[in-house]
């Protein structure tokens, strides 16, 4: 499976593509950071981001897109820009019928380092080690994008099994309720009381 990981942002947006193999093997494909000028019009910055995302989707043909979920930030303006950038990415993927999964920062940190409270330095070090890179990806947005892709590769099978189990449980519950209703109807002779 090939995952396009995106650490969304307007000033810096990290892009990382990682291939997953048997077990937990991961292989880096590409990584970069898109920068847009802070003084540019918001619409033009979003258009530049959209064009870059479209190019990456065409170039690397991922199977799924993993985006960092805006969880909580003290700076509302930064949170808004991050959410807008994430929306642009999700829209581009949806146009290609690609699944999009949002992961919280703590999910990503836990998947890559084993601790949901790891700092950026720890995430970067583990991404470098896991992908066998000669140098750490810089800036941190690049490492975060790769970490998102790795997180998705490692968490997706578990999420799929959980969703299948929930669907089976819901179907069993529907079947059970239907049988109870039929038994109740037979007991009362089809009459409601």
C-alpha atoms as a PDB file:
ATOM      1  CA  UNK A   1       0.000   0.000   0.000  1.00  0.00           C
ATOM      2  CA  UNK A   2       1.242   3.475  -0.830  1.00  0.00           C
ATOM      3  CA  UNK A   3       0.301   6.294   1.550  1.00  0.00           C
ATOM      4  CA  UNK A   4       0.525  10.027   0.928  1.00  0.00           C
ATOM      5  CA  UNK A   5       1.018  11.642   4.334  1.00  0.00           C
ATOM      6  CA  UNK A   6       0.276  15.339   4.693  1.00  0.00           C
ATOM      7  CA  UNK A   7       1.151  17.591   7.625  1.00  0.00           C
ATOM      8  CA  UNK A   8      -1.157  20.460   6.639  1.00  0.00           C
ATOM      9  CA  UNK A   9      -0.283  24.099   6.997  1.00  0.00           C
ATOM     10  CA  UNK A  10      -0.405  27.291   4.983  1.00  0.00           C
ATOM     11  CA  UNK A  11       3.102  28.560   5.637  1.00  0.00           C
ATOM     12  CA  UNK A  12       4.668  25.079   5.485  1.00  0.00           C
ATOM     13  CA  UNK A  13       2.841  21.944   4.351  1.00  0.00           C
ATOM     14  CA  UNK A  14       4.727  18.671   4.661  1.00  0.00           C
ATOM     15  CA  UNK A  15       4.295  15.974   2.007  1.00  0.00           C
ATOM     16  CA  UNK A  16       5.578  12.420   2.391  1.00  0.00           C
ATOM     17  CA  UNK A  17       4.949   9.239   0.429  1.00  0.00           C
ATOM     18  CA  UNK A  18       5.737   5.871   1.984  1.00  0.00           C
ATOM     19  CA  UNK A  19       5.230   2.339   0.689  1.00  0.00           C
ATOM     20  CA  UNK A  20       4.256  -0.378   3.131  1.00  0.00           C
ATOM     21  CA  UNK A  21       5.317  -3.969   2.719  1.00  0.00           C
ATOM     22  CA  UNK A  22       4.800  -7.237   4.563  1.00  0.00           C
ATOM     23  CA  UNK A  23       4.613  -6.932   8.318  1.00  0.00           C
ATOM     24  CA  UNK A  24       5.665  -3.477   9.380  1.00  0.00           C
ATOM     25  CA  UNK A  25       8.203  -2.789   6.643  1.00  0.00           C
ATOM     26  CA  UNK A  26       8.136   0.737   5.284  1.00  0.00           C
ATOM     27  CA  UNK A  27      10.054   2.344   2.434  1.00  0.00           C
ATOM     28  CA  UNK A  28      10.390   6.057   1.696  1.00  0.00           C
ATOM     29  CA  UNK A  29       9.306   7.210  -1.749  1.00  0.00           C
ATOM     30  CA  UNK A  30       9.314  11.020  -1.604  1.00  0.00           C
ATOM     31  CA  UNK A  31       9.293  13.889   0.866  1.00  0.00           C
ATOM     32  CA  UNK A  32       9.126  17.673   0.560  1.00  0.00           C
ATOM     33  CA  UNK A  33       7.647  20.781   2.114  1.00  0.00           C
ATOM     34  CA  UNK A  34       5.538  23.299   0.241  1.00  0.00           C
ATOM     35  CA  UNK A  35       5.961  26.871   1.431  1.00  0.00           C
ATOM     36  CA  UNK A  36       3.536  29.671   0.615  1.00  0.00           C
ATOM     37  CA  UNK A  37       4.261  33.369   1.245  1.00  0.00           C
ATOM     38  CA  UNK A  38       2.707  34.677   4.450  1.00  0.00           C
ATOM     39  CA  UNK A  39       1.844  37.995   2.806  1.00  0.00           C
ATOM     40  CA  UNK A  40       0.013  36.391  -0.165  1.00  0.00           C
ATOM     41  CA  UNK A  41      -3.770  36.367  -0.454  1.00  0.00           C
ATOM     42  CA  UNK A  42      -5.350  33.364   1.329  1.00  0.00           C
ATOM     43  CA  UNK A  43      -7.148  32.182  -1.801  1.00  0.00           C
ATOM     44  CA  UNK A  44      -3.890  32.210  -3.781  1.00  0.00           C
ATOM     45  CA  UNK A  45      -2.091  30.290  -1.033  1.00  0.00           C
ATOM     46  CA  UNK A  46      -4.832  27.640  -1.030  1.00  0.00           C
ATOM     47  CA  UNK A  47      -4.684  27.459  -4.837  1.00  0.00           C
ATOM     48  CA  UNK A  48      -0.916  26.945  -4.707  1.00  0.00           C
ATOM     49  CA  UNK A  49      -1.410  24.192  -2.131  1.00  0.00           C
ATOM     50  CA  UNK A  50      -4.153  22.593  -4.226  1.00  0.00           C
ATOM     51  CA  UNK A  51      -1.945  22.571  -7.328  1.00  0.00           C
ATOM     52  CA  UNK A  52       0.918  20.971  -5.378  1.00  0.00           C
ATOM     53  CA  UNK A  53      -1.343  18.285  -3.891  1.00  0.00           C
ATOM     54  CA  UNK A  54      -2.799  17.514  -7.338  1.00  0.00           C
ATOM     55  CA  UNK A  55       0.750  17.156  -8.702  1.00  0.00           C
ATOM     56  CA  UNK A  56       1.768  14.766  -5.893  1.00  0.00           C
ATOM     57  CA  UNK A  57      -1.374  12.669  -6.366  1.00  0.00           C
ATOM     58  CA  UNK A  58      -0.677  12.439 -10.121  1.00  0.00           C
ATOM     59  CA  UNK A  59       3.042  11.780  -9.673  1.00  0.00           C
ATOM     60  CA  UNK A  60       2.986   9.186  -6.868  1.00  0.00           C
ATOM     61  CA  UNK A  61      -0.481   7.621  -7.243  1.00  0.00           C
ATOM     62  CA  UNK A  62      -1.110   6.770  -3.577  1.00  0.00           C
ATOM     63  CA  UNK A  63      -3.732   4.262  -2.458  1.00  0.00           C
ATOM     64  CA  UNK A  64      -4.769   6.406   0.496  1.00  0.00           C
ATOM     65  CA  UNK A  65      -4.146   9.863   1.948  1.00  0.00           C
ATOM     66  CA  UNK A  66      -3.346  10.364   5.641  1.00  0.00           C
ATOM     67  CA  UNK A  67      -3.769  13.889   7.020  1.00  0.00           C
ATOM     68  CA  UNK A  68      -3.023  15.239  10.462  1.00  0.00           C
ATOM     69  CA  UNK A  69      -6.239  16.160  12.247  1.00  0.00           C
ATOM     70  CA  UNK A  70      -6.404  19.630  13.729  1.00  0.00           C
ATOM     71  CA  UNK A  71      -6.713  18.660  17.357  1.00  0.00           C
ATOM     72  CA  UNK A  72      -6.244  21.741  19.491  1.00  0.00           C
ATOM     73  CA  UNK A  73      -4.055  24.727  19.130  1.00  0.00           C
ATOM     74  CA  UNK A  74      -3.857  27.911  21.146  1.00  0.00           C
ATOM     75  CA  UNK A  75      -3.445  30.117  18.082  1.00  0.00           C
ATOM     76  CA  UNK A  76      -6.868  30.203  16.387  1.00  0.00           C
ATOM     77  CA  UNK A  77      -5.462  31.738  13.197  1.00  0.00           C
ATOM     78  CA  UNK A  78      -2.921  28.926  12.846  1.00  0.00           C
ATOM     79  CA  UNK A  79      -5.618  26.317  13.556  1.00  0.00           C
ATOM     80  CA  UNK A  80      -7.861  27.839  10.876  1.00  0.00           C
ATOM     81  CA  UNK A  81      -5.078  27.809   8.283  1.00  0.00           C
ATOM     82  CA  UNK A  82      -4.211  24.221   9.169  1.00  0.00           C
ATOM     83  CA  UNK A  83      -7.860  23.169   8.853  1.00  0.00           C
ATOM     84  CA  UNK A  84      -8.210  24.967   5.514  1.00  0.00           C
ATOM     85  CA  UNK A  85      -5.069  23.281   4.182  1.00  0.00           C
ATOM     86  CA  UNK A  86      -6.324  19.882   5.376  1.00  0.00           C
ATOM     87  CA  UNK A  87      -9.630  20.530   3.609  1.00  0.00           C
ATOM     88  CA  UNK A  88      -7.849  21.281   0.339  1.00  0.00           C
ATOM     89  CA  UNK A  89      -5.969  17.976   0.618  1.00  0.00           C
ATOM     90  CA  UNK A  90      -9.143  16.002   1.437  1.00  0.00           C
ATOM     91  CA  UNK A  91     -10.991  17.584  -1.493  1.00  0.00           C
ATOM     92  CA  UNK A  92      -8.215  16.730  -3.959  1.00  0.00           C
ATOM     93  CA  UNK A  93      -8.213  13.118  -2.746  1.00  0.00           C
ATOM     94  CA  UNK A  94     -12.012  12.893  -2.893  1.00  0.00           C
ATOM     95  CA  UNK A  95     -11.942  14.006  -6.545  1.00  0.00           C
ATOM     96  CA  UNK A  96      -9.915  10.849  -7.227  1.00  0.00           C
ATOM     97  CA  UNK A  97     -12.061   8.626  -4.986  1.00  0.00           C
ATOM     98  CA  UNK A  98      -9.083   8.104  -2.692  1.00  0.00           C
ATOM     99  CA  UNK A  99      -9.821   7.319   0.941  1.00  0.00           C
ATOM    100  CA  UNK A 100      -8.712  10.002   3.388  1.00  0.00           C
ATOM    101  CA  UNK A 101      -7.943   9.229   7.019  1.00  0.00           C
ATOM    102  CA  UNK A 102      -7.294  11.876   9.648  1.00  0.00           C
ATOM    103  CA  UNK A 103      -4.917  11.005  12.498  1.00  0.00           C
ATOM    104  CA  UNK A 104      -4.400  13.040  15.657  1.00  0.00           C
ATOM    105  CA  UNK A 105      -0.878  14.139  16.544  1.00  0.00           C
ATOM    106  CA  UNK A 106      -0.864  11.828  19.581  1.00  0.00           C
ATOM    107  CA  UNK A 107      -1.881   8.829  17.406  1.00  0.00           C
ATOM    108  CA  UNK A 108       0.991   9.564  15.049  1.00  0.00           C
ATOM    109  CA  UNK A 109       3.510  10.008  17.863  1.00  0.00           C
ATOM    110  CA  UNK A 110       2.367   6.808  19.569  1.00  0.00           C
ATOM    111  CA  UNK A 111       2.540   4.799  16.341  1.00  0.00           C
ATOM    112  CA  UNK A 112       6.027   5.973  15.433  1.00  0.00           C
ATOM    113  CA  UNK A 113       7.737   6.384  18.820  1.00  0.00           C
ATOM    114  CA  UNK A 114       5.603   4.342  21.211  1.00  0.00           C
ATOM    115  CA  UNK A 115       4.626   7.468  23.169  1.00  0.00           C
ATOM    116  CA  UNK A 116       1.775   9.834  22.370  1.00  0.00           C
ATOM    117  CA  UNK A 117       3.719  12.577  24.165  1.00  0.00           C
ATOM    118  CA  UNK A 118       6.922  12.368  22.114  1.00  0.00           C
ATOM    119  CA  UNK A 119       8.426  15.640  20.954  1.00  0.00           C
ATOM    120  CA  UNK A 120       9.242  16.590  17.370  1.00  0.00           C
ATOM    121  CA  UNK A 121      12.888  15.635  17.804  1.00  0.00           C
ATOM    122  CA  UNK A 122      11.927  12.087  18.869  1.00  0.00           C
ATOM    123  CA  UNK A 123       9.464  11.740  15.963  1.00  0.00           C
ATOM    124  CA  UNK A 124      12.102  12.904  13.483  1.00  0.00           C
ATOM    125  CA  UNK A 125      14.702  10.509  14.917  1.00  0.00           C
ATOM    126  CA  UNK A 126      12.345   7.522  14.699  1.00  0.00           C
ATOM    127  CA  UNK A 127      11.177   8.382  11.173  1.00  0.00           C
ATOM    128  CA  UNK A 128      14.815   8.622  10.090  1.00  0.00           C
ATOM    129  CA  UNK A 129      15.576   5.247  11.673  1.00  0.00           C
ATOM    130  CA  UNK A 130      12.421   3.438  10.502  1.00  0.00           C
ATOM    131  CA  UNK A 131      12.851   4.567   6.898  1.00  0.00           C
ATOM    132  CA  UNK A 132      16.629   4.025   6.882  1.00  0.00           C
ATOM    133  CA  UNK A 133      17.290   7.611   5.824  1.00  0.00           C
ATOM    134  CA  UNK A 134      20.866   8.893   5.767  1.00  0.00           C
ATOM    135  CA  UNK A 135      19.798  12.291   7.072  1.00  0.00           C
ATOM    136  CA  UNK A 136      16.832  13.489   9.092  1.00  0.00           C
ATOM    137  CA  UNK A 137      14.081  15.084   6.993  1.00  0.00           C
ATOM    138  CA  UNK A 138      13.959  18.850   7.523  1.00  0.00           C
ATOM    139  CA  UNK A 139      12.055  20.879   8.502  1.00  0.00           C
ATOM    140  CA  UNK A 140       9.941  18.987  11.042  1.00  0.00           C
ATOM    141  CA  UNK A 141       6.910  19.241   8.733  1.00  0.00           C
ATOM    142  CA  UNK A 142       8.625  16.829   6.323  1.00  0.00           C
ATOM    143  CA  UNK A 143       9.300  14.301   9.082  1.00  0.00           C
ATOM    144  CA  UNK A 144       5.728  14.717  10.352  1.00  0.00           C
ATOM    145  CA  UNK A 145       4.317  13.954   6.887  1.00  0.00           C
ATOM    146  CA  UNK A 146       6.381  10.746   6.711  1.00  0.00           C
ATOM    147  CA  UNK A 147       5.296   9.874  10.269  1.00  0.00           C
ATOM    148  CA  UNK A 148       1.643  10.281   9.237  1.00  0.00           C
ATOM    149  CA  UNK A 149       2.140   7.849   6.354  1.00  0.00           C
ATOM    150  CA  UNK A 150       3.878   5.315   8.624  1.00  0.00           C
ATOM    151  CA  UNK A 151       1.160   5.716  11.255  1.00  0.00           C
ATOM    152  CA  UNK A 152      -1.521   4.988   8.696  1.00  0.00           C
ATOM    153  CA  UNK A 153       0.281   1.944   7.340  1.00  0.00           C
ATOM    154  CA  UNK A 154       0.566   0.485  10.819  1.00  0.00           C
ATOM    155  CA  UNK A 155      -2.878   1.468  12.111  1.00  0.00           C
ATOM    156  CA  UNK A 156      -5.014   0.820   9.003  1.00  0.00           C
ATOM    157  CA  UNK A 157      -5.158  -2.987   9.371  1.00  0.00           C
ATOM    158  CA  UNK A 158      -6.257  -2.639  12.992  1.00  0.00           C
ATOM    159  CA  UNK A 159      -8.866  -0.006  12.066  1.00  0.00           C
ATOM    160  CA  UNK A 160     -10.194  -2.234   9.281  1.00  0.00           C
ATOM    161  CA  UNK A 161     -10.546  -5.211  11.623  1.00  0.00           C
ATOM    162  CA  UNK A 162     -12.281  -3.023  14.203  1.00  0.00           C
ATOM    163  CA  UNK A 163     -14.725  -1.643  11.613  1.00  0.00           C
ATOM    164  CA  UNK A 164     -15.466  -5.174  10.352  1.00  0.00           C
ATOM    165  CA  UNK A 165     -16.072  -6.374  13.919  1.00  0.00           C
ATOM    166  CA  UNK A 166     -18.383  -3.424  14.598  1.00  0.00           C
ATOM    167  CA  UNK A 167     -20.321  -4.129  11.384  1.00  0.00           C
ATOM    168  CA  UNK A 168     -20.660  -7.827  12.312  1.00  0.00           C
ATOM    169  CA  UNK A 169     -21.804  -6.914  15.825  1.00  0.00           C
ATOM    170  CA  UNK A 170     -24.403  -4.502  14.447  1.00  0.00           C
ATOM    171  CA  UNK A 171     -25.704  -7.169  12.046  1.00  0.00           C
ATOM    172  CA  UNK A 172     -25.900  -9.754  14.843  1.00  0.00           C
ATOM    173  CA  UNK A 173     -27.778  -7.238  17.013  1.00  0.00           C
ATOM    174  CA  UNK A 174     -30.281  -6.567  14.171  1.00  0.00           C
ATOM    175  CA  UNK A 175     -30.799 -10.298  13.645  1.00  0.00           C
ATOM    176  CA  UNK A 176     -31.248 -10.855  17.372  1.00  0.00           C
ATOM    177  CA  UNK A 177     -33.800  -8.026  17.669  1.00  0.00           C
ATOM    178  CA  UNK A 178     -35.727  -9.399  14.687  1.00  0.00           C
ATOM    179  CA  UNK A 179     -35.823 -12.886  16.250  1.00  0.00           C
ATOM    180  CA  UNK A 180     -36.995 -11.448  19.568  1.00  0.00           C
ATOM    181  CA  UNK A 181     -39.748  -9.539  17.782  1.00  0.00           C
ATOM    182  CA  UNK A 182     -40.831 -12.696  15.926  1.00  0.00           C
ATOM    183  CA  UNK A 183     -40.816 -14.726  19.158  1.00  0.00           C
ATOM    184  CA  UNK A 184     -42.848 -12.043  20.915  1.00  0.00           C
ATOM    185  CA  UNK A 185     -45.347 -11.997  18.049  1.00  0.00           C
ATOM    186  CA  UNK A 186     -45.742 -15.807  18.214  1.00  0.00           C
ATOM    187  CA  UNK A 187     -46.176 -15.683  21.990  1.00  0.00           C
ATOM    188  CA  UNK A 188     -48.977 -13.121  21.824  1.00  0.00           C
ATOM    189  CA  UNK A 189     -50.530 -14.773  18.803  1.00  0.00           C
ATOM    190  CA  UNK A 190     -49.662 -11.843  16.598  1.00  0.00           C
ATOM    191  CA  UNK A 191     -51.689  -9.491  18.785  1.00  0.00           C
ATOM    192  CA  UNK A 192     -50.171  -6.387  20.313  1.00  0.00           C
ATOM    193  CA  UNK A 193     -50.996  -5.701  23.923  1.00  0.00           C
END
